[in-house]
Protein backbone atom coordinates (compact mmCIF):
# COMPACT_ATOMS: atom_id res chain seq x y z
CA MET A 1 125.49 41.05 -72.66
CA ASN A 2 125.60 41.66 -68.87
CA LYS A 3 125.32 38.65 -66.62
CA PRO A 4 122.35 38.55 -64.26
CA PHE A 5 123.44 39.34 -60.71
CA VAL A 6 122.56 37.21 -57.68
CA SER A 7 123.53 37.93 -54.10
CA VAL A 8 123.69 35.34 -51.30
CA ALA A 9 124.00 35.90 -47.55
CA LYS A 10 124.55 33.49 -44.69
CA GLY A 11 123.44 34.08 -41.10
CA ASP A 12 121.49 32.90 -38.09
CA ASP A 13 119.06 35.81 -37.73
CA PRO A 14 116.39 35.97 -40.49
CA TYR A 15 115.77 39.71 -40.20
CA ARG A 16 119.40 40.77 -40.05
CA THR A 17 120.52 38.37 -42.78
CA ALA A 18 117.83 39.55 -45.21
CA PHE A 19 118.16 43.26 -44.40
CA GLU A 20 121.94 43.34 -44.68
CA LEU A 21 121.77 41.42 -47.96
CA LEU A 22 119.27 43.88 -49.45
CA SER A 23 121.20 46.88 -48.12
CA ARG A 24 124.20 45.94 -50.25
CA PHE A 25 122.11 44.88 -53.24
CA PRO A 26 122.35 47.20 -56.30
CA ILE A 27 118.60 47.43 -56.86
CA THR A 28 117.08 50.07 -59.15
CA ASP A 29 115.35 53.21 -57.87
CA LEU A 30 112.33 52.48 -55.68
CA GLU A 31 111.33 55.95 -54.53
CA GLY A 32 107.63 56.70 -54.89
CA LYS A 33 106.75 53.16 -56.02
CA LYS A 34 103.81 51.09 -54.85
CA VAL A 35 105.10 47.58 -54.10
CA LEU A 36 103.48 44.16 -53.66
CA ILE A 37 105.35 41.64 -51.52
CA LYS A 38 104.23 38.11 -52.44
CA PRO A 39 105.43 35.63 -49.78
CA ASN A 40 104.60 31.95 -49.56
CA ALA A 41 101.92 32.04 -46.87
CA ALA A 42 99.22 29.87 -48.42
CA ARG A 43 99.20 27.16 -45.76
CA MET A 44 98.56 26.93 -42.02
CA ALA A 45 102.13 26.78 -40.73
CA ALA A 46 104.23 28.77 -38.29
CA ALA A 47 107.70 30.23 -38.73
CA GLY A 48 110.43 27.64 -38.44
CA GLU A 49 108.50 24.76 -39.99
CA GLY A 50 109.97 25.35 -43.45
CA VAL A 51 106.50 25.53 -45.02
CA THR A 52 105.86 29.28 -45.20
CA THR A 53 108.03 32.37 -45.60
CA ASN A 54 109.66 33.50 -42.37
CA PRO A 55 107.82 36.66 -41.27
CA GLN A 56 111.08 38.27 -40.18
CA VAL A 57 112.41 37.99 -43.73
CA VAL A 58 109.26 39.81 -44.86
CA ALA A 59 109.76 42.40 -42.11
CA ALA A 60 113.30 43.04 -43.35
CA ILE A 61 112.01 43.56 -46.90
CA VAL A 62 109.37 46.01 -45.64
CA ASP A 63 111.99 48.04 -43.75
CA PHE A 64 114.33 48.01 -46.73
CA LEU A 65 111.55 49.27 -49.03
CA LYS A 66 110.64 52.01 -46.55
CA LYS A 67 114.29 53.05 -46.39
CA LYS A 68 114.17 53.37 -50.18
CA ARG A 69 111.11 55.68 -49.81
CA THR A 70 108.54 53.57 -51.55
CA ARG A 71 105.06 55.13 -51.57
CA GLU A 72 103.04 52.12 -50.40
CA ILE A 73 103.70 48.48 -49.44
CA ILE A 74 101.20 45.63 -49.68
CA ILE A 75 101.80 42.08 -48.45
CA GLY A 76 99.50 39.84 -50.46
CA GLU A 77 98.81 36.12 -50.77
CA SER A 78 96.18 33.76 -52.20
CA CYS A 79 95.81 30.64 -50.05
CA ILE A 80 95.35 27.09 -51.24
CA PHE A 81 91.75 25.93 -51.44
CA GLY A 82 90.29 25.19 -48.02
CA VAL A 83 92.59 27.55 -46.09
CA GLU A 84 91.09 30.77 -44.72
CA ALA A 85 93.41 33.69 -45.47
CA SER A 86 92.89 35.52 -42.17
CA ALA A 87 93.72 32.35 -40.20
CA ALA A 88 96.79 31.68 -42.34
CA PHE A 89 98.02 35.26 -41.93
CA ARG A 90 97.80 34.89 -38.14
CA LYS A 91 99.46 31.48 -38.10
CA THR A 92 102.33 32.46 -40.40
CA GLY A 93 103.10 35.63 -38.44
CA LEU A 94 102.36 37.98 -41.32
CA GLU A 95 99.45 39.61 -39.51
CA GLU A 96 101.78 40.69 -36.71
CA VAL A 97 104.37 42.00 -39.19
CA ALA A 98 101.80 44.00 -41.16
CA ARG A 99 100.33 45.51 -38.00
CA GLY A 100 103.72 46.33 -36.53
CA LYS A 101 105.04 47.87 -39.75
CA ASN A 102 101.76 49.63 -40.59
CA VAL A 103 101.45 48.10 -44.07
CA THR A 104 98.49 46.53 -45.85
CA LEU A 105 97.92 42.76 -45.61
CA LEU A 106 95.69 41.54 -48.41
CA ASP A 107 93.90 38.34 -49.39
CA LEU A 108 94.45 38.54 -53.15
CA ASP A 109 91.36 36.47 -53.86
CA ARG A 110 89.16 39.27 -52.51
CA LEU A 111 89.97 41.37 -55.57
CA ASP A 112 88.49 40.94 -59.03
CA PRO A 113 90.53 38.97 -61.54
CA MET A 114 92.31 40.27 -64.62
CA GLU A 115 93.61 38.41 -67.66
CA ILE A 116 97.17 38.32 -68.93
CA ARG A 117 97.78 37.13 -72.47
CA ILE A 118 100.55 34.59 -72.96
CA SER A 119 101.72 35.59 -76.41
CA ARG A 120 104.24 32.77 -76.88
CA GLY A 121 102.24 30.08 -75.15
CA ARG A 122 101.94 26.62 -76.66
CA LEU A 123 99.81 25.35 -73.79
CA LEU A 124 98.52 28.59 -72.27
CA LYS A 125 96.96 31.44 -74.22
CA LYS A 126 95.97 33.50 -71.19
CA ILE A 127 95.99 33.33 -67.41
CA LYS A 128 93.62 34.80 -64.84
CA VAL A 129 95.42 36.60 -62.01
CA SER A 130 94.62 38.93 -59.14
CA SER A 131 93.98 42.48 -60.32
CA ILE A 132 96.38 43.72 -57.63
CA LEU A 133 98.98 43.59 -60.40
CA ASN A 134 97.20 46.51 -62.08
CA LYS A 135 97.46 48.53 -58.90
CA VAL A 136 101.19 48.23 -58.08
CA ASP A 137 104.41 49.35 -59.74
CA LEU A 138 106.65 46.54 -58.52
CA MET A 139 106.26 42.98 -57.27
CA VAL A 140 108.63 41.09 -54.95
CA SER A 141 108.48 37.28 -54.86
CA VAL A 142 109.52 35.91 -51.44
CA PRO A 143 109.36 32.09 -51.51
CA VAL A 144 110.72 29.50 -49.11
CA MET A 145 113.54 27.25 -50.29
CA LYS A 146 111.63 23.96 -50.65
CA THR A 147 111.38 20.75 -52.61
CA HIS A 148 108.10 19.98 -54.38
CA MET A 149 106.61 16.62 -55.32
CA HIS A 150 105.28 17.90 -58.65
CA THR A 151 108.07 20.29 -59.73
CA ARG A 152 111.13 19.10 -57.74
CA VAL A 153 111.70 22.60 -56.29
CA THR A 154 109.47 25.56 -55.54
CA LEU A 155 111.30 28.90 -55.54
CA GLY A 156 110.86 32.39 -56.96
CA ILE A 157 109.14 31.43 -60.21
CA LYS A 158 106.88 28.72 -58.82
CA ASN A 159 105.83 31.15 -56.06
CA LEU A 160 104.20 33.31 -58.75
CA LYS A 161 101.53 30.64 -59.13
CA GLY A 162 100.05 32.11 -55.95
CA LEU A 163 99.08 35.17 -57.99
CA LEU A 164 96.66 33.10 -60.04
CA TRP A 165 93.09 33.89 -59.16
CA ARG A 166 91.24 31.40 -56.97
CA ARG A 167 90.61 28.09 -58.77
CA GLU A 168 92.90 29.03 -61.66
CA LYS A 169 95.72 27.44 -59.63
CA ALA A 170 94.11 24.01 -59.74
CA LYS A 171 93.65 24.25 -63.51
CA PHE A 172 97.41 24.02 -63.99
CA HIS A 173 97.26 20.48 -62.57
CA HIS A 174 94.37 19.47 -64.83
CA LEU A 175 95.80 20.45 -68.20
CA ALA A 176 95.90 17.77 -70.87
CA ALA A 177 97.70 18.59 -74.09
CA ASP A 178 98.58 17.01 -77.39
CA PRO A 179 102.05 15.43 -77.08
CA GLU A 180 103.17 17.55 -80.03
CA ILE A 181 102.51 20.67 -77.97
CA ILE A 182 104.31 19.70 -74.78
CA LYS A 183 107.07 17.69 -76.53
CA GLY A 184 107.63 15.14 -73.79
CA GLU A 185 107.34 17.55 -70.86
CA LYS A 186 104.73 17.49 -68.10
CA GLU A 187 101.86 19.91 -68.65
CA LEU A 188 102.44 21.50 -65.24
CA ASP A 189 106.08 22.33 -66.00
CA VAL A 190 105.19 23.83 -69.37
CA ALA A 191 102.38 25.86 -67.79
CA ILE A 192 104.66 27.29 -65.08
CA ALA A 193 107.30 28.29 -67.62
CA GLU A 194 104.73 29.90 -69.90
CA MET A 195 103.12 31.65 -66.93
CA ALA A 196 106.53 33.15 -66.14
CA THR A 197 106.62 34.85 -69.54
CA GLY A 198 103.64 36.93 -68.43
CA LEU A 199 104.42 37.25 -64.71
CA ALA A 200 107.87 38.60 -63.91
CA PRO A 201 108.79 39.79 -60.41
CA HIS A 202 110.99 42.85 -60.17
CA LEU A 203 112.87 41.31 -57.26
CA VAL A 204 113.15 37.80 -55.83
CA VAL A 205 114.20 37.23 -52.22
CA ILE A 206 114.41 33.51 -51.43
CA ASP A 207 114.04 32.63 -47.76
CA GLY A 208 116.47 29.79 -47.16
CA MET A 209 116.75 30.32 -43.40
CA ILE A 210 114.74 27.15 -42.73
CA GLY A 211 113.68 25.33 -45.87
CA MET A 212 112.00 22.01 -46.54
CA GLU A 213 113.37 18.82 -48.04
CA GLY A 214 111.82 15.53 -49.06
CA MET A 215 108.04 15.49 -49.38
CA GLY A 216 107.54 19.22 -50.01
CA PRO A 217 105.89 21.62 -50.33
CA GLY A 218 103.93 20.91 -47.16
CA TYR A 219 104.88 17.57 -45.62
CA GLY A 220 108.63 17.23 -45.84
CA ARG A 221 111.22 17.86 -43.15
CA ALA A 222 112.36 21.29 -42.06
CA LYS A 223 115.98 21.93 -43.06
CA LYS A 224 118.05 24.67 -41.49
CA MET A 225 120.16 26.44 -44.13
CA GLY A 226 120.59 29.99 -42.83
CA VAL A 227 120.80 31.60 -46.28
CA VAL A 228 118.95 34.27 -48.21
CA VAL A 229 119.22 34.67 -52.00
CA ALA A 230 118.25 37.82 -53.92
CA SER A 231 118.17 38.87 -57.57
CA GLU A 232 116.25 41.05 -59.98
CA ASN A 233 116.17 38.02 -62.31
CA ALA A 234 113.89 35.28 -61.00
CA LEU A 235 115.42 32.47 -63.07
CA ALA A 236 118.98 33.30 -62.04
CA ALA A 237 117.91 33.41 -58.37
CA ASP A 238 116.21 30.03 -58.70
CA ALA A 239 119.25 28.54 -60.45
CA VAL A 240 121.57 29.67 -57.66
CA ALA A 241 119.16 28.49 -54.95
CA SER A 242 118.85 25.12 -56.70
CA ARG A 243 122.62 24.74 -56.63
CA LEU A 244 122.66 25.53 -52.91
CA MET A 245 120.07 22.78 -52.48
CA GLY A 246 122.29 20.33 -54.38
CA PHE A 247 120.23 20.24 -57.59
CA ASP A 248 121.29 20.96 -61.16
CA PRO A 249 118.81 23.54 -62.52
CA ARG A 250 119.10 21.94 -65.96
CA GLU A 251 117.40 18.88 -64.46
CA ILE A 252 114.49 20.90 -63.07
CA PRO A 253 112.06 20.99 -66.01
CA HIS A 254 110.29 24.30 -65.39
CA LEU A 255 113.63 26.10 -64.89
CA ARG A 256 115.10 24.57 -68.03
CA LEU A 257 111.96 25.51 -69.98
CA CYS A 258 112.15 29.09 -68.67
CA HIS A 259 115.72 29.25 -69.92
CA GLU A 260 114.66 27.97 -73.33
CA LEU A 261 112.01 30.70 -73.42
CA GLY A 262 114.72 33.31 -72.89
CA LEU A 263 113.81 34.30 -69.33
CA GLY A 264 117.36 34.18 -68.00
CA GLU A 265 120.37 32.02 -67.32
CA ILE A 266 120.66 28.78 -65.34
CA LEU A 267 124.38 28.02 -65.80
CA LEU A 268 126.59 29.38 -63.03
CA ASP A 269 129.33 30.57 -65.40
CA ARG A 270 126.74 32.87 -66.99
CA ILE A 271 125.55 34.32 -63.69
CA SER A 272 127.43 36.82 -61.52
CA VAL A 273 127.14 35.66 -57.91
CA ASP A 274 128.27 37.53 -54.80
CA PRO A 275 130.14 36.01 -53.07
CA PRO A 276 131.76 33.93 -55.83
CA ASP A 277 132.42 31.06 -53.39
CA PHE A 278 128.74 30.85 -52.32
CA LEU A 279 128.73 27.08 -52.86
CA LYS A 280 130.64 26.72 -49.58
CA TRP A 281 127.14 27.04 -48.08
CA LYS A 282 125.68 24.25 -50.20
CA ASP A 283 123.81 21.63 -48.18
CA ARG A 284 122.09 18.96 -50.23
CA PHE A 285 118.32 18.67 -49.81
CA GLU A 286 116.78 15.23 -49.93
CA PRO A 287 114.80 15.23 -53.19
CA PRO A 288 111.06 14.63 -53.22
CA PRO A 289 110.05 10.99 -53.72
CA ASP A 290 108.88 10.00 -57.19
CA ARG A 291 105.87 8.34 -55.57
CA ILE A 292 104.20 8.66 -52.19
CA SER A 293 104.41 4.86 -52.03
CA ILE A 294 108.17 5.18 -51.52
CA SER A 295 107.59 6.82 -48.14
CA TYR A 296 104.57 4.62 -47.33
CA PRO A 297 105.43 1.14 -48.63
CA ASP A 298 102.07 -0.35 -47.65
CA VAL A 299 100.22 2.35 -49.62
CA VAL A 300 99.73 2.40 -53.39
CA VAL A 301 98.85 5.79 -54.90
CA TYR A 302 97.49 6.20 -58.42
CA ASP A 303 98.07 9.87 -59.28
CA ARG A 304 97.22 11.34 -62.67
CA GLY A 305 96.68 15.09 -62.73
CA SER A 306 96.20 15.75 -59.02
CA CYS A 307 96.45 19.25 -57.57
CA SER A 308 98.30 20.22 -54.40
CA ALA A 309 95.02 20.53 -52.46
CA CYS A 310 94.05 16.85 -52.83
CA LEU A 311 97.67 15.78 -52.46
CA SER A 312 97.86 17.73 -49.19
CA THR A 313 94.67 16.06 -47.94
CA LEU A 314 96.14 12.68 -48.73
CA MET A 315 99.39 13.47 -46.91
CA VAL A 316 97.56 14.72 -43.80
CA PHE A 317 95.47 11.56 -43.81
CA LEU A 318 98.40 9.17 -44.23
CA GLN A 319 100.50 10.89 -41.59
CA GLY A 320 97.71 10.79 -39.04
CA GLN A 321 95.80 7.59 -39.85
CA ARG A 322 98.10 5.16 -41.61
CA HIS A 323 98.34 2.96 -38.50
CA ARG A 324 94.53 2.44 -38.61
CA LEU A 325 94.28 1.29 -42.23
CA ASP A 326 95.16 -2.40 -42.01
CA GLU A 327 91.53 -3.55 -42.15
CA TYR A 328 91.02 -1.56 -45.37
CA HIS A 329 93.89 -3.19 -47.29
CA LEU A 330 93.02 -4.91 -50.57
CA HIS A 331 94.00 -8.41 -51.71
CA ASP A 332 97.72 -7.53 -51.90
CA ASP A 333 97.72 -6.36 -48.26
CA LYS A 334 98.10 -2.71 -49.28
CA PHE A 335 95.95 0.40 -49.03
CA HIS A 336 95.10 1.78 -52.50
CA VAL A 337 94.28 5.44 -53.20
CA GLY A 338 93.49 7.17 -56.50
CA ILE A 339 93.67 10.96 -57.07
CA GLY A 340 93.67 13.26 -60.07
CA LYS A 341 91.49 14.27 -62.97
CA TYR A 342 93.13 11.81 -65.38
CA LEU A 343 93.09 8.74 -63.16
CA GLN A 344 93.07 5.53 -65.20
CA ASP A 345 93.95 2.01 -64.07
CA PHE A 346 93.38 0.95 -60.46
CA PRO A 347 91.87 -2.11 -58.72
CA GLU A 348 88.30 -2.42 -57.47
CA GLY A 349 87.94 -1.07 -53.94
CA THR A 350 90.49 1.75 -54.34
CA VAL A 351 89.78 4.87 -52.28
CA LEU A 352 88.98 7.62 -54.80
CA LEU A 353 89.91 11.00 -53.41
CA GLY A 354 88.24 14.23 -54.57
CA ASN A 355 85.57 15.28 -57.05
CA CYS A 356 87.87 14.68 -60.03
CA THR A 357 87.53 10.91 -59.42
CA GLN A 358 83.71 10.90 -59.18
CA LYS A 359 83.22 9.27 -62.59
CA PHE A 360 84.81 6.10 -61.15
CA LYS A 361 82.80 6.01 -57.91
CA ASP A 362 81.15 2.67 -58.77
CA ARG A 363 84.57 1.02 -58.80
CA GLY A 364 85.85 2.19 -55.43
CA VAL A 365 85.25 4.17 -52.25
CA PHE A 366 84.54 7.71 -53.40
CA ILE A 367 85.43 10.61 -51.04
CA GLN A 368 83.64 13.76 -52.16
CA GLY A 369 85.18 17.24 -51.94
CA CYS A 370 87.43 19.70 -53.72
CA PRO A 371 89.45 18.97 -51.76
CA PRO A 372 87.90 16.58 -49.22
CA ILE A 373 88.70 16.88 -45.54
CA SER A 374 91.15 14.31 -44.22
CA SER A 375 88.73 13.11 -41.53
CA GLN A 376 86.13 12.29 -44.21
CA ILE A 377 88.26 9.47 -45.58
CA LEU A 378 88.27 7.30 -42.45
CA GLU A 379 84.64 8.16 -41.67
CA THR A 380 83.56 7.03 -45.14
CA LEU A 381 85.57 3.83 -44.86
CA HIS A 382 83.98 3.08 -41.46
CA ARG A 383 80.48 3.68 -42.80
CA ARG A 384 81.05 1.51 -45.85
CA LYS A 385 82.46 -1.32 -43.73
CA GLY A 386 79.50 -1.05 -41.35
CA LYS A 387 76.99 -1.31 -44.20
CA LYS A 388 78.72 -4.41 -45.53
CA LYS A 389 78.53 -6.06 -42.08
CA GLY A 390 74.86 -5.10 -41.80
CA ARG A 391 74.04 -6.68 -45.15
CA GLY A 392 75.95 -9.78 -44.13
CA ARG A 393 73.64 -10.31 -41.08
CA GLU A 394 70.44 -10.04 -43.10
């Protein structure tokens, strides 16, 4: 059996590095094909922050596809809840690329959904995705090389979650399964692996020019790597990228589960990599913390089944307002926050973030929203404290 092939390039210029890599890549015939490019552009972040795909990497892919005489090119993304696609496309630089290259830029959530059956799914039986997949011949996944607090890394396979239609993305974080079904794994990891059996990109181009380490996918530190990774096999690309980041893909649950499902190889001796000495470019990424409390020692977070939207709200709030929270500490002199659909044990007075925690609102400070806005948290705390003072004067 032929080994999956992965190509790696190193450089300082995102466009040139990606274009030269693709120009030497032995990709199958593309002439006359209609192609969807799926970057990571779901958040409000500019090039160079390590949050979203570098627009010049996307530009290089567009030019490469045009050189191969593809019929039509669409750049498409579905943003996280609360982010307006048109604003994100401007901020990330994709709007400028699409206009300059005369290709379509599409908010995938504007299309109707379609269902894909997951024939071998233990946890998933079907997924709802954008119907753009019925309208294209090929799909290219173009993620950023990042760590992720829920899945350790987010690369070519995890990037496919952005094809899920609207609120379907959040459902992956709210799954609860019989232990016999998930066999000791997290529901999210099983769901991503099973999703990958029904969603397979024809090409993965991983933007590792400036990645993100630590508290990814949105609030870590930018990390300059200067690499691009490409493969027609998503799992092999992710395995090689993980090694460049200093991680063993066997210890990344959704990658290991994909391998067990027969979606490709994760061991380097079973993957053909060009150049063979690519690990000379390895630069270890700081892994994501197991708990937010590690980065914020005076904060205690109770997280059971949260989605990235509420987690992002919490991170924005802590980064901007942590210095103003002393008066809202509980008896242990710490600020307590609960998030997630399956929240369980927490002390009275905990801040309960998002609609999923509403059933506990009598036990804490409930912040409504799906997700809430960061500014709501401090405003609600101020109002609650003011009411308590008012009652004390009566």
